[in-house]
C-alpha atoms as a PDB file:
ATOM      1  CA  LYS A   1      -5.356  48.829   7.895  1.00  0.00           C
ATOM      2  CA  SER A   2      -8.346  46.554   6.577  1.00  0.00           C
ATOM      3  CA  ASN A   3      -9.459  43.818   8.478  1.00  0.00           C
ATOM      4  CA  PHE A   4      -7.905  41.433   5.582  1.00  0.00           C
ATOM      5  CA  ASP A   5      -4.042  42.369   6.498  1.00  0.00           C
ATOM      6  CA  PHE A   6      -2.626  39.293   7.946  1.00  0.00           C
ATOM      7  CA  LEU A   7       0.515  40.543  10.136  1.00  0.00           C
ATOM      8  CA  GLY A   8       0.832  43.566   7.793  1.00  0.00           C
ATOM      9  CA  ILE A   9       1.339  41.686   4.709  1.00  0.00           C
ATOM     10  CA  PRO A  10      -1.132  43.092   1.907  1.00  0.00           C
ATOM     11  CA  LYS A  11      -3.716  40.824   0.859  1.00  0.00           C
ATOM     12  CA  GLN A  12      -2.713  40.930  -3.094  1.00  0.00           C
ATOM     13  CA  LEU A  13       0.443  39.219  -1.984  1.00  0.00           C
ATOM     14  CA  LEU A  14      -1.259  36.684   0.016  1.00  0.00           C
ATOM     15  CA  VAL A  15      -3.799  35.848  -2.593  1.00  0.00           C
ATOM     16  CA  ALA A  16      -0.611  35.423  -4.986  1.00  0.00           C
ATOM     17  CA  ALA A  17       1.181  33.416  -2.548  1.00  0.00           C
ATOM     18  CA  PHE A  18      -2.242  31.029  -2.127  1.00  0.00           C
ATOM     19  CA  VAL A  19      -2.578  30.814  -6.191  1.00  0.00           C
ATOM     20  CA  GLY A  20       1.008  30.004  -6.381  1.00  0.00           C
ATOM     21  CA  CYS A  21       0.861  27.232  -3.983  1.00  0.00           C
ATOM     22  CA  ALA A  22      -2.261  25.820  -5.675  1.00  0.00           C
ATOM     23  CA  LEU A  23      -0.949  25.667  -9.069  1.00  0.00           C
ATOM     24  CA  ALA A  24       2.196  24.251  -7.996  1.00  0.00           C
ATOM     25  CA  ALA A  25       0.545  21.273  -6.138  1.00  0.00           C
ATOM     26  CA  PRO A  26       0.984  17.773  -7.921  1.00  0.00           C
ATOM     27  CA  LEU A  27      -2.038  16.702  -9.834  1.00  0.00           C
ATOM     28  CA  ASN A  28      -3.113  13.204  -8.922  1.00  0.00           C
ATOM     29  CA  ASP A  29      -4.852  11.675 -12.183  1.00  0.00           C
ATOM     30  CA  ASP A  30      -3.833   8.458 -11.176  1.00  0.00           C
ATOM     31  CA  THR A  31      -6.507   5.892 -11.217  1.00  0.00           C
ATOM     32  CA  ILE A  32      -7.435   2.183  -9.965  1.00  0.00           C
ATOM     33  CA  THR A  33      -7.227  -0.057 -12.946  1.00  0.00           C
ATOM     34  CA  LYS A  34      -7.548  -3.293 -11.170  1.00  0.00           C
ATOM     35  CA  PHE A  35      -8.880  -4.254  -7.879  1.00  0.00           C
ATOM     36  CA  LEU A  36      -9.435  -8.002  -6.672  1.00  0.00           C
ATOM     37  CA  SER A  37      -9.885  -8.558  -3.131  1.00  0.00           C
ATOM     38  CA  ASN A  38     -10.838 -11.833  -1.166  1.00  0.00           C
ATOM     39  CA  GLN A  39     -11.130 -12.264   2.560  1.00  0.00           C
ATOM     40  CA  ASP A  40     -12.410 -15.836   4.041  1.00  0.00           C
ATOM     41  CA  THR A  41     -13.905 -16.656   7.107  1.00  0.00           C
ATOM     42  CA  ASP A  42     -10.663 -18.495   8.366  1.00  0.00           C
ATOM     43  CA  GLY A  43      -8.673 -15.488   7.979  1.00  0.00           C
ATOM     44  CA  THR A  44      -7.131 -16.135   4.845  1.00  0.00           C
ATOM     45  CA  TYR A  45      -7.218 -13.273   2.283  1.00  0.00           C
ATOM     46  CA  ALA A  46      -5.638 -11.915  -0.979  1.00  0.00           C
ATOM     47  CA  TYR A  47      -5.661  -8.657  -2.800  1.00  0.00           C
ATOM     48  CA  ASP A  48      -4.183  -7.489  -6.367  1.00  0.00           C
ATOM     49  CA  ILE A  49      -4.276  -4.019  -7.291  1.00  0.00           C
ATOM     50  CA  GLN A  50      -3.095  -2.007  -9.987  1.00  0.00           C
ATOM     51  CA  GLN A  51      -2.925   1.668 -11.052  1.00  0.00           C
ATOM     52  CA  SER A  52      -2.932   3.537 -14.302  1.00  0.00           C
ATOM     53  CA  SER A  53       0.437   4.963 -13.132  1.00  0.00           C
ATOM     54  CA  GLY A  54       2.181   1.679 -13.127  1.00  0.00           C
ATOM     55  CA  ILE A  55       2.143   0.949  -9.326  1.00  0.00           C
ATOM     56  CA  GLN A  56       0.832  -2.629  -8.197  1.00  0.00           C
ATOM     57  CA  PHE A  57       0.429  -4.294  -5.170  1.00  0.00           C
ATOM     58  CA  GLN A  58      -0.190  -7.659  -4.324  1.00  0.00           C
ATOM     59  CA  GLU A  59      -0.433  -9.948  -1.131  1.00  0.00           C
ATOM     60  CA  GLU A  60      -1.799 -13.060   0.233  1.00  0.00           C
ATOM     61  CA  GLY A  61      -1.958 -14.541   3.655  1.00  0.00           C
ATOM     62  CA  GLN A  62      -3.654 -15.548   6.835  1.00  0.00           C
ATOM     63  CA  ALA A  63      -4.331 -12.438   9.137  1.00  0.00           C
ATOM     64  CA  GLY A  64      -1.985 -12.655  12.591  1.00  0.00           C
ATOM     65  CA  HIS A  65       0.168 -15.607  10.851  1.00  0.00           C
ATOM     66  CA  TYR A  66       1.704 -14.749   7.510  1.00  0.00           C
ATOM     67  CA  ALA A  67       1.800 -12.952   4.236  1.00  0.00           C
ATOM     68  CA  ARG A  68       3.615 -12.971   1.159  1.00  0.00           C
ATOM     69  CA  GLY A  69       3.280 -10.091  -1.606  1.00  0.00           C
ATOM     70  CA  SER A  70       4.910  -7.642  -3.752  1.00  0.00           C
ATOM     71  CA  TYR A  71       4.647  -4.186  -4.910  1.00  0.00           C
ATOM     72  CA  SER A  72       6.183  -2.281  -7.652  1.00  0.00           C
ATOM     73  CA  TYR A  73       6.297   1.333  -8.875  1.00  0.00           C
ATOM     74  CA  ILE A  74       8.569   3.749 -11.143  1.00  0.00           C
ATOM     75  CA  SER A  75      10.738   5.858  -8.986  1.00  0.00           C
ATOM     76  CA  PRO A  76      11.010   9.587  -9.702  1.00  0.00           C
ATOM     77  CA  GLU A  77      14.455   8.751 -11.552  1.00  0.00           C
ATOM     78  CA  GLY A  78      12.264   6.666 -13.813  1.00  0.00           C
ATOM     79  CA  VAL A  79      14.137   3.433 -12.666  1.00  0.00           C
ATOM     80  CA  PRO A  80      11.672   0.333 -12.361  1.00  0.00           C
ATOM     81  CA  VAL A  81      11.347  -0.688  -8.291  1.00  0.00           C
ATOM     82  CA  GLN A  82       9.976  -4.333  -7.319  1.00  0.00           C
ATOM     83  CA  VAL A  83      10.109  -5.546  -3.980  1.00  0.00           C
ATOM     84  CA  ILE A  84       8.925  -9.344  -3.355  1.00  0.00           C
ATOM     85  CA  TYR A  85       8.375 -10.021   0.764  1.00  0.00           C
ATOM     86  CA  THR A  86       7.330 -12.181   3.171  1.00  0.00           C
ATOM     87  CA  ALA A  87       5.922 -11.722   6.759  1.00  0.00           C
ATOM     88  CA  ASP A  88       5.750 -14.117   9.623  1.00  0.00           C
ATOM     89  CA  GLU A  89       6.578 -14.609  13.327  1.00  0.00           C
ATOM     90  CA  ASN A  90      10.090 -13.644  12.546  1.00  0.00           C
ATOM     91  CA  GLY A  91       9.285 -10.053  11.011  1.00  0.00           C
ATOM     92  CA  PHE A  92       9.215  -8.417   7.476  1.00  0.00           C
ATOM     93  CA  HIS A  93      11.589 -10.071   4.814  1.00  0.00           C
ATOM     94  CA  PRO A  94      11.957  -7.927   1.747  1.00  0.00           C
ATOM     95  CA  GLN A  95      13.842  -8.625  -1.288  1.00  0.00           C
ATOM     96  CA  SER A  96      15.146  -6.487  -4.066  1.00  0.00           C
ATOM     97  CA  ASP A  97      17.786  -5.560  -5.922  1.00  0.00           C
ATOM     98  CA  LEU A  98      17.484  -1.918  -4.975  1.00  0.00           C
ATOM     99  CA  LEU A  99      17.547  -2.667  -1.423  1.00  0.00           C
ATOM    100  CA  PRO A 100      21.029  -1.888   0.448  1.00  0.00           C
ATOM    101  CA  THR A 101      23.443  -4.685   1.545  1.00  0.00           C
ATOM    102  CA  PRO A 102      26.047  -4.511   4.027  1.00  0.00           C
ATOM    103  CA  PRO A 103      29.510  -4.361   2.606  1.00  0.00           C
ATOM    104  CA  PRO A 104      31.757  -7.301   3.025  1.00  0.00           C
ATOM    105  CA  ILE A 105      33.620  -8.116   6.535  1.00  0.00           C
ATOM    106  CA  PRO A 106      37.401  -7.050   5.972  1.00  0.00           C
ATOM    107  CA  GLU A 107      39.705 -10.244   6.437  1.00  0.00           C
ATOM    108  CA  ALA A 108      41.354  -8.522   9.175  1.00  0.00           C
ATOM    109  CA  ILE A 109      38.097  -8.388  11.446  1.00  0.00           C
ATOM    110  CA  LEU A 110      37.365 -11.947  10.172  1.00  0.00           C
ATOM    111  CA  ARG A 111      40.682 -13.222  11.501  1.00  0.00           C
ATOM    112  CA  SER A 112      40.362 -11.392  14.640  1.00  0.00           C
ATOM    113  CA  ILE A 113      36.858 -12.991  15.278  1.00  0.00           C
ATOM    114  CA  GLN A 114      38.320 -16.207  14.685  1.00  0.00           C
ATOM    115  CA  PHE A 115      41.034 -15.845  17.146  1.00  0.00           C
ATOM    116  CA  ILE A 116      38.709 -14.615  19.864  1.00  0.00           C
ATOM    117  CA  GLN A 117      36.859 -17.769  19.453  1.00  0.00           C
ATOM    118  CA  GLU A 118      39.813 -19.812  19.471  1.00  0.00           C
ATOM    119  CA  HIS A 119      41.198 -18.274  22.543  1.00  0.00           C
ATOM    120  CA  PRO A 120      38.417 -17.550  25.042  1.00  0.00           C
ATOM    121  CA  THR A 121      38.977 -15.728  28.550  1.00  0.00           C
ATOM    122  CA  PRO A 122      38.896 -17.431  31.427  1.00  0.00           C
ATOM    123  CA  GLU A 123      35.396 -15.962  32.145  1.00  0.00           C
ATOM    124  CA  GLU A 124      34.181 -17.440  28.838  1.00  0.00           C
ATOM    125  CA  LEU A 125      35.445 -20.999  29.784  1.00  0.00           C
ATOM    126  CA  ALA A 126      33.868 -20.749  33.207  1.00  0.00           C
ATOM    127  CA  ASP A 127      30.568 -19.699  31.470  1.00  0.00           C
ATOM    128  CA  ARG A 128      30.802 -22.810  28.950  1.00  0.00           C
ATOM    129  CA  ALA A 129      31.554 -25.194  31.918  1.00  0.00           C
ATOM    130  CA  VAL A 130      28.359 -24.513  33.608  1.00  0.00           C
END
């Protein structure tokens, strides 16, 4: 065996595997077409970035306090995706037509919740009295 055998695999097979992986790797020819950025001494900032593939990011805010912005891109299925968001002391709040939403609560469950609220247990009544 030569010094180039790896776990008994012939070097021609290894070379072929590496060449195949290199050829299968996606090419990234995306370039930045717009780049605007501003940051002030009071912590406010803004940026706007666009790429040749159609990806866009923009955000403005005050560091550590709030942010609002958006990003958009084309999904692998060809669907345009846009997300508009805010972020503050209460968390990240995205909005998009493509974000999942919970199903409506069934009427029977709503009636059960109303019944429970209207008929508290003795422990709940005692807690309310405190």
